[in-house]
PDB file of N, CA and C in Angstrom:
ATOM      1  N   MET A   1      22.112   3.912   2.577  1.00  0.00           N
ATOM      2  CA  MET A   1      21.484   3.936   3.878  1.00  0.00           C
ATOM      3  C   MET A   1      22.248   3.026   4.848  1.00  0.00           C
ATOM      4  N   LEU A   2      22.668   1.875   4.352  1.00  0.00           N
ATOM      5  CA  LEU A   2      23.424   0.966   5.204  1.00  0.00           C
ATOM      6  C   LEU A   2      24.716   1.614   5.682  1.00  0.00           C
ATOM      7  N   GLU A   3      25.395   2.333   4.780  1.00  0.00           N
ATOM      8  CA  GLU A   3      26.642   2.997   5.137  1.00  0.00           C
ATOM      9  C   GLU A   3      26.448   4.054   6.215  1.00  0.00           C
ATOM     10  N   ASN A   4      25.216   4.572   6.322  1.00  0.00           N
ATOM     11  CA  ASN A   4      24.910   5.580   7.330  1.00  0.00           C
ATOM     12  C   ASN A   4      24.274   4.985   8.592  1.00  0.00           C
ATOM     13  N   GLY A   5      24.335   3.664   8.727  1.00  0.00           N
ATOM     14  CA  GLY A   5      23.906   3.017   9.962  1.00  0.00           C
ATOM     15  C   GLY A   5      22.438   2.646  10.056  1.00  0.00           C
ATOM     16  N   PHE A   6      21.692   2.760   8.969  1.00  0.00           N
ATOM     17  CA  PHE A   6      20.293   2.359   8.992  1.00  0.00           C
ATOM     18  C   PHE A   6      20.191   0.847   8.813  1.00  0.00           C
ATOM     19  N   THR A   7      19.240   0.241   9.510  1.00  0.00           N
ATOM     20  CA  THR A   7      18.973  -1.182   9.296  1.00  0.00           C
ATOM     21  C   THR A   7      17.922  -1.268   8.202  1.00  0.00           C
ATOM     22  N   VAL A   8      18.317  -1.765   7.060  1.00  0.00           N
ATOM     23  CA  VAL A   8      17.486  -1.753   5.863  1.00  0.00           C
ATOM     24  C   VAL A   8      17.369  -3.159   5.305  1.00  0.00           C
ATOM     25  N   SER A   9      16.148  -3.491   4.873  1.00  0.00           N
ATOM     26  CA  SER A   9      15.917  -4.735   4.136  1.00  0.00           C
ATOM     27  C   SER A   9      15.165  -4.407   2.860  1.00  0.00           C
ATOM     28  N   CYS A  10      15.297  -5.275   1.885  1.00  0.00           N
ATOM     29  CA  CYS A  10      14.583  -5.126   0.614  1.00  0.00           C
ATOM     30  C   CYS A  10      13.756  -6.383   0.379  1.00  0.00           C
ATOM     31  N   ILE A  11      12.616  -6.194  -0.250  1.00  0.00           N
ATOM     32  CA  ILE A  11      11.752  -7.320  -0.573  1.00  0.00           C
ATOM     33  C   ILE A  11      11.173  -7.091  -1.969  1.00  0.00           C
ATOM     34  N   TYR A  12      11.155  -8.147  -2.774  1.00  0.00           N
ATOM     35  CA  TYR A  12      10.674  -8.028  -4.147  1.00  0.00           C
ATOM     36  C   TYR A  12      10.178  -9.376  -4.629  1.00  0.00           C
ATOM     37  N   GLY A  13       9.492  -9.370  -5.739  1.00  0.00           N
ATOM     38  CA  GLY A  13       8.755 -10.522  -6.220  1.00  0.00           C
ATOM     39  C   GLY A  13       9.555 -11.750  -6.588  1.00  0.00           C
ATOM     40  N   THR A  14      10.792 -11.608  -7.032  1.00  0.00           N
ATOM     41  CA  THR A  14      11.546 -12.788  -7.462  1.00  0.00           C
ATOM     42  C   THR A  14      12.228 -13.510  -6.304  1.00  0.00           C
ATOM     43  N   MET A  15      12.080 -12.991  -5.087  1.00  0.00           N
ATOM     44  CA  MET A  15      12.621 -13.680  -3.915  1.00  0.00           C
ATOM     45  C   MET A  15      11.765 -14.907  -3.622  1.00  0.00           C
ATOM     46  N   SER A  16      12.363 -15.884  -2.985  1.00  0.00           N
ATOM     47  CA  SER A  16      11.581 -17.044  -2.573  1.00  0.00           C
ATOM     48  C   SER A  16      10.645 -16.649  -1.427  1.00  0.00           C
ATOM     49  N   GLN A  17       9.596 -17.399  -1.243  1.00  0.00           N
ATOM     50  CA  GLN A  17       8.649 -17.108  -0.171  1.00  0.00           C
ATOM     51  C   GLN A  17       9.333 -17.200   1.193  1.00  0.00           C
ATOM     52  N   ILE A  18      10.265 -18.111   1.327  1.00  0.00           N
ATOM     53  CA  ILE A  18      11.001 -18.248   2.595  1.00  0.00           C
ATOM     54  C   ILE A  18      11.789 -16.977   2.892  1.00  0.00           C
ATOM     55  N   GLU A  19      12.464 -16.430   1.871  1.00  0.00           N
ATOM     56  CA  GLU A  19      13.223 -15.182   2.046  1.00  0.00           C
ATOM     57  C   GLU A  19      12.291 -14.029   2.404  1.00  0.00           C
ATOM     58  N   ARG A  20      11.161 -13.926   1.690  1.00  0.00           N
ATOM     59  CA  ARG A  20      10.198 -12.847   1.966  1.00  0.00           C
ATOM     60  C   ARG A  20       9.656 -12.958   3.391  1.00  0.00           C
ATOM     61  N   ASP A  21       9.312 -14.165   3.815  1.00  0.00           N
ATOM     62  CA  ASP A  21       8.785 -14.366   5.169  1.00  0.00           C
ATOM     63  C   ASP A  21       9.811 -13.958   6.229  1.00  0.00           C
ATOM     64  N   ALA A  22      11.077 -14.306   6.011  1.00  0.00           N
ATOM     65  CA  ALA A  22      12.135 -13.956   6.966  1.00  0.00           C
ATOM     66  C   ALA A  22      12.316 -12.442   7.055  1.00  0.00           C
ATOM     67  N   ILE A  23      12.272 -11.762   5.916  1.00  0.00           N
ATOM     68  CA  ILE A  23      12.425 -10.306   5.902  1.00  0.00           C
ATOM     69  C   ILE A  23      11.243  -9.647   6.596  1.00  0.00           C
ATOM     70  N   MET A  24      10.038 -10.118   6.308  1.00  0.00           N
ATOM     71  CA  MET A  24       8.846  -9.548   6.950  1.00  0.00           C
ATOM     72  C   MET A  24       8.870  -9.779   8.460  1.00  0.00           C
ATOM     73  N   GLU A  25       9.316 -10.930   8.890  1.00  0.00           N
ATOM     74  CA  GLU A  25       9.404 -11.217  10.326  1.00  0.00           C
ATOM     75  C   GLU A  25      10.401 -10.274  11.000  1.00  0.00           C
ATOM     76  N   SER A  26      11.535 -10.046  10.345  1.00  0.00           N
ATOM     77  CA  SER A  26      12.537  -9.119  10.856  1.00  0.00           C
ATOM     78  C   SER A  26      11.969  -7.706  10.962  1.00  0.00           C
ATOM     79  N   PHE A  27      11.200  -7.295   9.967  1.00  0.00           N
ATOM     80  CA  PHE A  27      10.597  -5.962   9.967  1.00  0.00           C
ATOM     81  C   PHE A  27       9.536  -5.848  11.064  1.00  0.00           C
ATOM     82  N   ARG A  28       8.691  -6.857  11.188  1.00  0.00           N
ATOM     83  CA  ARG A  28       7.644  -6.846  12.226  1.00  0.00           C
ATOM     84  C   ARG A  28       8.239  -6.746  13.640  1.00  0.00           C
ATOM     85  N   LYS A  29       9.365  -7.412  13.845  1.00  0.00           N
ATOM     86  CA  LYS A  29       9.995  -7.410  15.164  1.00  0.00           C
ATOM     87  C   LYS A  29      10.850  -6.169  15.413  1.00  0.00           C
ATOM     88  N   GLY A  30      10.998  -5.311  14.396  1.00  0.00           N
ATOM     89  CA  GLY A  30      11.768  -4.092  14.560  1.00  0.00           C
ATOM     90  C   GLY A  30      13.262  -4.265  14.377  1.00  0.00           C
ATOM     91  N   LYS A  31      13.691  -5.439  13.958  1.00  0.00           N
ATOM     92  CA  LYS A  31      15.123  -5.657  13.700  1.00  0.00           C
ATOM     93  C   LYS A  31      15.561  -4.880  12.471  1.00  0.00           C
ATOM     94  N   THR A  32      14.665  -4.724  11.535  1.00  0.00           N
ATOM     95  CA  THR A  32      14.873  -3.895  10.351  1.00  0.00           C
ATOM     96  C   THR A  32      13.942  -2.711  10.474  1.00  0.00           C
ATOM     97  N   ARG A  33      14.490  -1.510  10.432  1.00  0.00           N
ATOM     98  CA  ARG A  33      13.666  -0.312  10.632  1.00  0.00           C
ATOM     99  C   ARG A  33      13.159   0.279   9.320  1.00  0.00           C
ATOM    100  N   VAL A  34      13.816  -0.062   8.217  1.00  0.00           N
ATOM    101  CA  VAL A  34      13.431   0.444   6.904  1.00  0.00           C
ATOM    102  C   VAL A  34      13.232  -0.753   5.983  1.00  0.00           C
ATOM    103  N   LEU A  35      12.089  -0.780   5.311  1.00  0.00           N
ATOM    104  CA  LEU A  35      11.794  -1.845   4.360  1.00  0.00           C
ATOM    105  C   LEU A  35      11.554  -1.210   3.001  1.00  0.00           C
ATOM    106  N   ILE A  36      12.361  -1.587   2.041  1.00  0.00           N
ATOM    107  CA  ILE A  36      12.217  -1.088   0.674  1.00  0.00           C
ATOM    108  C   ILE A  36      11.556  -2.195  -0.128  1.00  0.00           C
ATOM    109  N   SER A  37      10.482  -1.838  -0.834  1.00  0.00           N
ATOM    110  CA  SER A  37       9.700  -2.854  -1.520  1.00  0.00           C
ATOM    111  C   SER A  37       9.184  -2.352  -2.855  1.00  0.00           C
ATOM    112  N   THR A  38       8.925  -3.310  -3.720  1.00  0.00           N
ATOM    113  CA  THR A  38       8.172  -3.036  -4.939  1.00  0.00           C
ATOM    114  C   THR A  38       6.694  -3.083  -4.567  1.00  0.00           C
ATOM    115  N   ASP A  39       5.825  -3.054  -5.547  1.00  0.00           N
ATOM    116  CA  ASP A  39       4.390  -3.162  -5.277  1.00  0.00           C
ATOM    117  C   ASP A  39       4.003  -4.541  -4.736  1.00  0.00           C
ATOM    118  N   LEU A  40       4.982  -5.410  -4.608  1.00  0.00           N
ATOM    119  CA  LEU A  40       4.742  -6.753  -4.083  1.00  0.00           C
ATOM    120  C   LEU A  40       3.925  -6.710  -2.799  1.00  0.00           C
ATOM    121  N   ILE A  41       4.243  -5.781  -1.906  1.00  0.00           N
ATOM    122  CA  ILE A  41       3.526  -5.742  -0.642  1.00  0.00           C
ATOM    123  C   ILE A  41       2.606  -4.526  -0.529  1.00  0.00           C
ATOM    124  N   ALA A  42       2.140  -4.031  -1.662  1.00  0.00           N
ATOM    125  CA  ALA A  42       1.150  -2.956  -1.610  1.00  0.00           C
ATOM    126  C   ALA A  42      -0.088  -3.433  -0.873  1.00  0.00           C
ATOM    127  N   ARG A  43      -0.361  -4.702  -0.982  1.00  0.00           N
ATOM    128  CA  ARG A  43      -1.468  -5.324  -0.256  1.00  0.00           C
ATOM    129  C   ARG A  43      -0.898  -6.437   0.614  1.00  0.00           C
ATOM    130  N   GLY A  44      -1.557  -6.692   1.697  1.00  0.00           N
ATOM    131  CA  GLY A  44      -1.230  -7.873   2.464  1.00  0.00           C
ATOM    132  C   GLY A  44      -0.222  -7.699   3.572  1.00  0.00           C
ATOM    133  N   ILE A  45       0.412  -6.551   3.696  1.00  0.00           N
ATOM    134  CA  ILE A  45       1.333  -6.347   4.808  1.00  0.00           C
ATOM    135  C   ILE A  45       0.505  -5.890   6.010  1.00  0.00           C
ATOM    136  N   ASP A  46       0.758  -6.473   7.139  1.00  0.00           N
ATOM    137  CA  ASP A  46       0.023  -6.134   8.346  1.00  0.00           C
ATOM    138  C   ASP A  46       1.029  -5.949   9.469  1.00  0.00           C
ATOM    139  N   VAL A  47       1.580  -4.745   9.537  1.00  0.00           N
ATOM    140  CA  VAL A  47       2.579  -4.419  10.540  1.00  0.00           C
ATOM    141  C   VAL A  47       2.051  -3.225  11.321  1.00  0.00           C
ATOM    142  N   HIS A  48       1.892  -3.379  12.611  1.00  0.00           N
ATOM    143  CA  HIS A  48       1.254  -2.360  13.445  1.00  0.00           C
ATOM    144  C   HIS A  48       2.041  -1.064  13.554  1.00  0.00           C
ATOM    145  N   SER A  49       3.354  -1.119  13.505  1.00  0.00           N
ATOM    146  CA  SER A  49       4.162   0.049  13.850  1.00  0.00           C
ATOM    147  C   SER A  49       4.603   0.909  12.670  1.00  0.00           C
ATOM    148  N   VAL A  50       4.074   0.692  11.490  1.00  0.00           N
ATOM    149  CA  VAL A  50       4.474   1.505  10.341  1.00  0.00           C
ATOM    150  C   VAL A  50       3.780   2.866  10.444  1.00  0.00           C
ATOM    151  N   SER A  51       4.572   3.924  10.450  1.00  0.00           N
ATOM    152  CA  SER A  51       3.979   5.255  10.564  1.00  0.00           C
ATOM    153  C   SER A  51       4.191   6.106   9.315  1.00  0.00           C
ATOM    154  N   THR A  52       5.172   5.746   8.485  1.00  0.00           N
ATOM    155  CA  THR A  52       5.500   6.574   7.326  1.00  0.00           C
ATOM    156  C   THR A  52       5.757   5.691   6.113  1.00  0.00           C
ATOM    157  N   ILE A  53       5.166   6.087   4.999  1.00  0.00           N
ATOM    158  CA  ILE A  53       5.373   5.424   3.714  1.00  0.00           C
ATOM    159  C   ILE A  53       5.972   6.452   2.763  1.00  0.00           C
ATOM    160  N   PHE A  54       7.038   6.091   2.077  1.00  0.00           N
ATOM    161  CA  PHE A  54       7.627   6.937   1.037  1.00  0.00           C
ATOM    162  C   PHE A  54       7.371   6.257  -0.295  1.00  0.00           C
ATOM    163  N   ASN A  55       6.704   6.952  -1.186  1.00  0.00           N
ATOM    164  CA  ASN A  55       6.478   6.457  -2.544  1.00  0.00           C
ATOM    165  C   ASN A  55       7.485   7.133  -3.465  1.00  0.00           C
ATOM    166  N   TYR A  56       8.386   6.339  -4.027  1.00  0.00           N
ATOM    167  CA  TYR A  56       9.361   6.891  -4.968  1.00  0.00           C
ATOM    168  C   TYR A  56       8.808   6.950  -6.384  1.00  0.00           C
ATOM    169  N   ASP A  57       7.651   6.389  -6.554  1.00  0.00           N
ATOM    170  CA  ASP A  57       6.884   6.551  -7.790  1.00  0.00           C
ATOM    171  C   ASP A  57       5.438   6.256  -7.437  1.00  0.00           C
ATOM    172  N   LEU A  58       4.549   6.630  -8.314  1.00  0.00           N
ATOM    173  CA  LEU A  58       3.137   6.342  -8.096  1.00  0.00           C
ATOM    174  C   LEU A  58       2.804   5.012  -8.754  1.00  0.00           C
ATOM    175  N   PRO A  59       1.901   4.252  -8.151  1.00  0.00           N
ATOM    176  CA  PRO A  59       1.562   2.963  -8.764  1.00  0.00           C
ATOM    177  C   PRO A  59       0.835   3.160 -10.082  1.00  0.00           C
ATOM    178  N   TYR A  60       1.003   2.193 -10.973  1.00  0.00           N
ATOM    179  CA  TYR A  60       0.297   2.247 -12.247  1.00  0.00           C
ATOM    180  C   TYR A  60      -1.196   2.028 -12.029  1.00  0.00           C
ATOM    181  N   ASN A  61      -1.529   1.213 -11.066  1.00  0.00           N
ATOM    182  CA  ASN A  61      -2.912   0.904 -10.751  1.00  0.00           C
ATOM    183  C   ASN A  61      -3.364   1.822  -9.618  1.00  0.00           C
ATOM    184  N   LYS A  62      -4.346   2.689  -9.872  1.00  0.00           N
ATOM    185  CA  LYS A  62      -4.807   3.648  -8.866  1.00  0.00           C
ATOM    186  C   LYS A  62      -5.305   2.972  -7.595  1.00  0.00           C
ATOM    187  N   TYR A  63      -5.839   1.767  -7.711  1.00  0.00           N
ATOM    188  CA  TYR A  63      -6.330   1.051  -6.534  1.00  0.00           C
ATOM    189  C   TYR A  63      -5.191   0.698  -5.581  1.00  0.00           C
ATOM    190  N   ASN A  64      -3.998   0.487  -6.111  1.00  0.00           N
ATOM    191  CA  ASN A  64      -2.866   0.130  -5.258  1.00  0.00           C
ATOM    192  C   ASN A  64      -2.386   1.290  -4.396  1.00  0.00           C
ATOM    193  N   TYR A  65      -2.683   2.524  -4.798  1.00  0.00           N
ATOM    194  CA  TYR A  65      -2.222   3.673  -4.019  1.00  0.00           C
ATOM    195  C   TYR A  65      -2.772   3.624  -2.598  1.00  0.00           C
ATOM    196  N   ILE A  66      -4.050   3.396  -2.467  1.00  0.00           N
ATOM    197  CA  ILE A  66      -4.673   3.385  -1.140  1.00  0.00           C
ATOM    198  C   ILE A  66      -4.136   2.214  -0.307  1.00  0.00           C
ATOM    199  N   HIS A  67      -3.796   1.122  -0.972  1.00  0.00           N
ATOM    200  CA  HIS A  67      -3.228  -0.005  -0.242  1.00  0.00           C
ATOM    201  C   HIS A  67      -1.799   0.290   0.190  1.00  0.00           C
ATOM    202  N   ARG A  68      -1.053   0.982  -0.667  1.00  0.00           N
ATOM    203  CA  ARG A  68       0.316   1.365  -0.291  1.00  0.00           C
ATOM    204  C   ARG A  68       0.299   2.271   0.928  1.00  0.00           C
ATOM    205  N   ILE A  69      -0.444   3.374   0.831  1.00  0.00           N
ATOM    206  CA  ILE A  69      -0.403   4.350   1.925  1.00  0.00           C
ATOM    207  C   ILE A  69      -1.168   3.863   3.146  1.00  0.00           C
ATOM    208  N   GLY A  70      -2.068   2.915   2.959  1.00  0.00           N
ATOM    209  CA  GLY A  70      -2.821   2.365   4.074  1.00  0.00           C
ATOM    210  C   GLY A  70      -1.982   1.508   4.996  1.00  0.00           C
ATOM    211  N   ARG A  71      -0.732   1.253   4.613  1.00  0.00           N
ATOM    212  CA  ARG A  71       0.167   0.494   5.483  1.00  0.00           C
ATOM    213  C   ARG A  71       0.561   1.339   6.686  1.00  0.00           C
ATOM    214  N   SER A  72       0.424   2.662   6.586  1.00  0.00           N
ATOM    215  CA  SER A  72       0.735   3.536   7.719  1.00  0.00           C
ATOM    216  C   SER A  72      -0.562   3.876   8.440  1.00  0.00           C
ATOM    217  N   GLY A  73      -0.462   4.185   9.680  1.00  0.00           N
ATOM    218  CA  GLY A  73      -1.616   4.625  10.442  1.00  0.00           C
ATOM    219  C   GLY A  73      -2.661   3.552  10.672  1.00  0.00           C
ATOM    220  N   ARG A  74      -2.253   2.322  10.808  1.00  0.00           N
ATOM    221  CA  ARG A  74      -3.200   1.229  11.008  1.00  0.00           C
ATOM    222  C   ARG A  74      -3.690   1.211  12.451  1.00  0.00           C
ATOM    223  N   TYR A  75      -4.853   0.614  12.629  1.00  0.00           N
ATOM    224  CA  TYR A  75      -5.424   0.395  13.960  1.00  0.00           C
ATOM    225  C   TYR A  75      -5.618   1.702  14.729  1.00  0.00           C
ATOM    226  N   GLY A  76      -6.142   2.718  14.039  1.00  0.00           N
ATOM    227  CA  GLY A  76      -6.453   3.985  14.677  1.00  0.00           C
ATOM    228  C   GLY A  76      -5.278   4.916  14.870  1.00  0.00           C
ATOM    229  N   ARG A  77      -4.108   4.498  14.476  1.00  0.00           N
ATOM    230  CA  ARG A  77      -2.937   5.371  14.594  1.00  0.00           C
ATOM    231  C   ARG A  77      -2.886   6.318  13.405  1.00  0.00           C
ATOM    232  N   LYS A  78      -2.182   7.411  13.582  1.00  0.00           N
ATOM    233  CA  LYS A  78      -1.986   8.342  12.475  1.00  0.00           C
ATOM    234  C   LYS A  78      -0.753   7.933  11.698  1.00  0.00           C
ATOM    235  N   GLY A  79      -0.805   8.169  10.400  1.00  0.00           N
ATOM    236  CA  GLY A  79       0.326   7.864   9.541  1.00  0.00           C
ATOM    237  C   GLY A  79       0.461   8.928   8.477  1.00  0.00           C
ATOM    238  N   ILE A  80       1.554   8.859   7.761  1.00  0.00           N
ATOM    239  CA  ILE A  80       1.807   9.835   6.708  1.00  0.00           C
ATOM    240  C   ILE A  80       2.380   9.118   5.493  1.00  0.00           C
ATOM    241  N   ALA A  81       2.013   9.614   4.322  1.00  0.00           N
ATOM    242  CA  ALA A  81       2.580   9.110   3.071  1.00  0.00           C
ATOM    243  C   ALA A  81       3.211  10.286   2.342  1.00  0.00           C
ATOM    244  N   ILE A  82       4.428  10.089   1.898  1.00  0.00           N
ATOM    245  CA  ILE A  82       5.151  11.124   1.155  1.00  0.00           C
ATOM    246  C   ILE A  82       5.439  10.565  -0.226  1.00  0.00           C
ATOM    247  N   ASN A  83       5.015  11.316  -1.240  1.00  0.00           N
ATOM    248  CA  ASN A  83       5.201  10.916  -2.638  1.00  0.00           C
ATOM    249  C   ASN A  83       6.309  11.752  -3.251  1.00  0.00           C
ATOM    250  N   PHE A  84       7.323  11.105  -3.772  1.00  0.00           N
ATOM    251  CA  PHE A  84       8.371  11.816  -4.492  1.00  0.00           C
ATOM    252  C   PHE A  84       7.995  11.840  -5.965  1.00  0.00           C
ATOM    253  N   VAL A  85       7.370  12.928  -6.369  1.00  0.00           N
ATOM    254  CA  VAL A  85       6.907  13.093  -7.744  1.00  0.00           C
ATOM    255  C   VAL A  85       7.291  14.502  -8.164  1.00  0.00           C
ATOM    256  N   LEU A  86       7.965  14.604  -9.268  1.00  0.00           N
ATOM    257  CA  LEU A  86       8.423  15.913  -9.722  1.00  0.00           C
ATOM    258  C   LEU A  86       7.794  16.235 -11.067  1.00  0.00           C
ATOM    259  N   GLU A  87       7.230  17.398 -11.149  1.00  0.00           N
ATOM    260  CA  GLU A  87       6.684  17.898 -12.408  1.00  0.00           C
ATOM    261  C   GLU A  87       7.575  19.071 -12.818  1.00  0.00           C
ATOM    262  N   PRO A  88       8.353  18.928 -13.885  1.00  0.00           N
ATOM    263  CA  PRO A  88       9.306  19.978 -14.264  1.00  0.00           C
ATOM    264  C   PRO A  88       8.684  21.354 -14.437  1.00  0.00           C
ATOM    265  N   SER A  89       7.411  21.416 -14.798  1.00  0.00           N
ATOM    266  CA  SER A  89       6.785  22.720 -15.023  1.00  0.00           C
ATOM    267  C   SER A  89       6.451  23.431 -13.722  1.00  0.00           C
ATOM    268  N   GLY A  90       6.539  22.718 -12.575  1.00  0.00           N
ATOM    269  CA  GLY A  90       6.183  23.322 -11.296  1.00  0.00           C
ATOM    270  C   GLY A  90       4.709  23.172 -10.959  1.00  0.00           C
ATOM    271  N   ASN A  91       3.929  22.658 -11.902  1.00  0.00           N
ATOM    272  CA  ASN A  91       2.512  22.421 -11.645  1.00  0.00           C
ATOM    273  C   ASN A  91       2.329  21.109 -10.893  1.00  0.00           C
ATOM    274  N   LYS A  92       1.135  20.912 -10.363  1.00  0.00           N
ATOM    275  CA  LYS A  92       0.824  19.651  -9.698  1.00  0.00           C
ATOM    276  C   LYS A  92       0.908  18.528 -10.728  1.00  0.00           C
ATOM    277  N   PRO A  93       1.634  17.455 -10.422  1.00  0.00           N
ATOM    278  CA  PRO A  93       1.794  16.346 -11.380  1.00  0.00           C
ATOM    279  C   PRO A  93       0.459  15.704 -11.748  1.00  0.00           C
ATOM    280  N   LYS A  94       0.366  15.290 -12.998  1.00  0.00           N
ATOM    281  CA  LYS A  94      -0.859  14.674 -13.519  1.00  0.00           C
ATOM    282  C   LYS A  94      -1.278  13.465 -12.689  1.00  0.00           C
ATOM    283  N   GLY A  95      -0.316  12.634 -12.291  1.00  0.00           N
ATOM    284  CA  GLY A  95      -0.631  11.446 -11.501  1.00  0.00           C
ATOM    285  C   GLY A  95      -1.263  11.790 -10.164  1.00  0.00           C
ATOM    286  N   ILE A  96      -0.824  12.871  -9.557  1.00  0.00           N
ATOM    287  CA  ILE A  96      -1.400  13.319  -8.281  1.00  0.00           C
ATOM    288  C   ILE A  96      -2.833  13.804  -8.498  1.00  0.00           C
ATOM    289  N   ILE A  97      -3.045  14.558  -9.565  1.00  0.00           N
ATOM    290  CA  ILE A  97      -4.390  15.046  -9.881  1.00  0.00           C
ATOM    291  C   ILE A  97      -5.339  13.874 -10.121  1.00  0.00           C
ATOM    292  N   GLU A  98      -4.871  12.865 -10.842  1.00  0.00           N
ATOM    293  CA  GLU A  98      -5.704  11.682 -11.098  1.00  0.00           C
ATOM    294  C   GLU A  98      -6.065  10.969  -9.793  1.00  0.00           C
ATOM    295  N   LEU A  99      -5.101  10.837  -8.881  1.00  0.00           N
ATOM    296  CA  LEU A  99      -5.385  10.200  -7.597  1.00  0.00           C
ATOM    297  C   LEU A  99      -6.365  11.031  -6.766  1.00  0.00           C
ATOM    298  N   GLU A 100      -6.189  12.337  -6.763  1.00  0.00           N
ATOM    299  CA  GLU A 100      -7.109  13.218  -6.033  1.00  0.00           C
ATOM    300  C   GLU A 100      -8.535  13.069  -6.562  1.00  0.00           C
ATOM    301  N   ASN A 101      -8.681  13.047  -7.874  1.00  0.00           N
ATOM    302  CA  ASN A 101     -10.008  12.901  -8.477  1.00  0.00           C
ATOM    303  C   ASN A 101     -10.595  11.524  -8.184  1.00  0.00           C
ATOM    304  N   PHE A 102      -9.775  10.496  -8.288  1.00  0.00           N
ATOM    305  CA  PHE A 102     -10.228   9.121  -8.088  1.00  0.00           C
ATOM    306  C   PHE A 102     -10.679   8.887  -6.650  1.00  0.00           C
ATOM    307  N   TYR A 103      -9.908   9.408  -5.679  1.00  0.00           N
ATOM    308  CA  TYR A 103     -10.211   9.190  -4.265  1.00  0.00           C
ATOM    309  C   TYR A 103     -10.954  10.360  -3.621  1.00  0.00           C
ATOM    310  N   ASN A 104     -11.260  11.398  -4.400  1.00  0.00           N
ATOM    311  CA  ASN A 104     -11.971  12.570  -3.895  1.00  0.00           C
ATOM    312  C   ASN A 104     -11.271  13.121  -2.637  1.00  0.00           C
ATOM    313  N   CYS A 105      -9.984  13.429  -2.805  1.00  0.00           N
ATOM    314  CA  CYS A 105      -9.182  13.925  -1.698  1.00  0.00           C
ATOM    315  C   CYS A 105      -8.231  15.000  -2.216  1.00  0.00           C
ATOM    316  N   THR A 106      -7.464  15.565  -1.312  1.00  0.00           N
ATOM    317  CA  THR A 106      -6.436  16.528  -1.682  1.00  0.00           C
ATOM    318  C   THR A 106      -5.090  16.001  -1.211  1.00  0.00           C
ATOM    319  N   ILE A 107      -4.118  15.996  -2.089  1.00  0.00           N
ATOM    320  CA  ILE A 107      -2.754  15.615  -1.745  1.00  0.00           C
ATOM    321  C   ILE A 107      -1.930  16.886  -1.830  1.00  0.00           C
ATOM    322  N   ASP A 108      -1.530  17.369  -0.673  1.00  0.00           N
ATOM    323  CA  ASP A 108      -0.830  18.649  -0.590  1.00  0.00           C
ATOM    324  C   ASP A 108       0.662  18.496  -0.812  1.00  0.00           C
ATOM    325  N   PRO A 109       1.294  19.541  -1.339  1.00  0.00           N
ATOM    326  CA  PRO A 109       2.762  19.505  -1.455  1.00  0.00           C
ATOM    327  C   PRO A 109       3.378  19.589  -0.064  1.00  0.00           C
ATOM    328  N   LEU A 110       4.602  19.113   0.052  1.00  0.00           N
ATOM    329  CA  LEU A 110       5.312  19.233   1.319  1.00  0.00           C
ATOM    330  C   LEU A 110       5.516  20.708   1.646  1.00  0.00           C
ATOM    331  N   PRO A 111       5.370  21.097   2.893  1.00  0.00           N
ATOM    332  CA  PRO A 111       5.607  22.501   3.248  1.00  0.00           C
ATOM    333  C   PRO A 111       7.093  22.830   3.185  1.00  0.00           C
ATOM    334  N   ASN A 112       7.386  24.110   3.000  1.00  0.00           N
ATOM    335  CA  ASN A 112       8.757  24.621   3.020  1.00  0.00           C
ATOM    336  C   ASN A 112       9.649  24.032   1.946  1.00  0.00           C
ATOM    337  N   CYS A 113       9.104  23.762   0.790  1.00  0.00           N
ATOM    338  CA  CYS A 113       9.919  23.287  -0.332  1.00  0.00           C
ATOM    339  C   CYS A 113      10.141  24.475  -1.253  1.00  0.00           C
ATOM    340  N   ASP A 114      11.122  25.278  -0.923  1.00  0.00           N
ATOM    341  CA  ASP A 114      11.369  26.490  -1.691  1.00  0.00           C
ATOM    342  C   ASP A 114      11.916  26.221  -3.086  1.00  0.00           C
ATOM    343  N   SER A 115      12.807  25.223  -3.197  1.00  0.00           N
ATOM    344  CA  SER A 115      13.468  25.018  -4.471  1.00  0.00           C
ATOM    345  C   SER A 115      12.700  24.075  -5.391  1.00  0.00           C
ATOM    346  N   ILE A 116      11.880  23.179  -4.833  1.00  0.00           N
ATOM    347  CA  ILE A 116      11.090  22.271  -5.654  1.00  0.00           C
ATOM    348  C   ILE A 116       9.702  22.146  -5.058  1.00  0.00           C
ATOM    349  N   THR A 117       8.769  21.696  -5.832  1.00  0.00           N
ATOM    350  CA  THR A 117       7.440  21.393  -5.334  1.00  0.00           C
ATOM    351  C   THR A 117       7.367  19.887  -5.175  1.00  0.00           C
ATOM    352  N   GLY A 118       7.107  19.410  -3.972  1.00  0.00           N
ATOM    353  CA  GLY A 118       7.033  17.971  -3.710  1.00  0.00           C
ATOM    354  C   GLY A 118       5.625  17.550  -3.337  1.00  0.00           C
ATOM    355  N   TYR A 119       5.163  16.471  -3.905  1.00  0.00           N
ATOM    356  CA  TYR A 119       3.836  15.957  -3.597  1.00  0.00           C
ATOM    357  C   TYR A 119       3.940  14.595  -2.995  1.00  0.00           C
TER     358      TYR A 119
END
């Protein structure tokens, strides 16, 4: 992403608190447009301008899912969460079904995915 001109930062648990605070401040101010994180900030991030969350895996803890995707669309704004989950059989992935049942919702596949089914 950096090679393609995106301003990207990463944040993870083994960083010092000073490093994490500096990265979060940069993200809040818009100096960094993309923030890649572990579940470290599934809770506790409060950034007004986040509109899209990409999940490259589903959290092990179902409660963390709502906190992850809740980072988008804060304060009455609309947001979107995209989950990159592949089920080789072409069926809806088990993890997605579990989240739908747990939260009593529907997680639809991305439209126009002719070659793969994306949830």
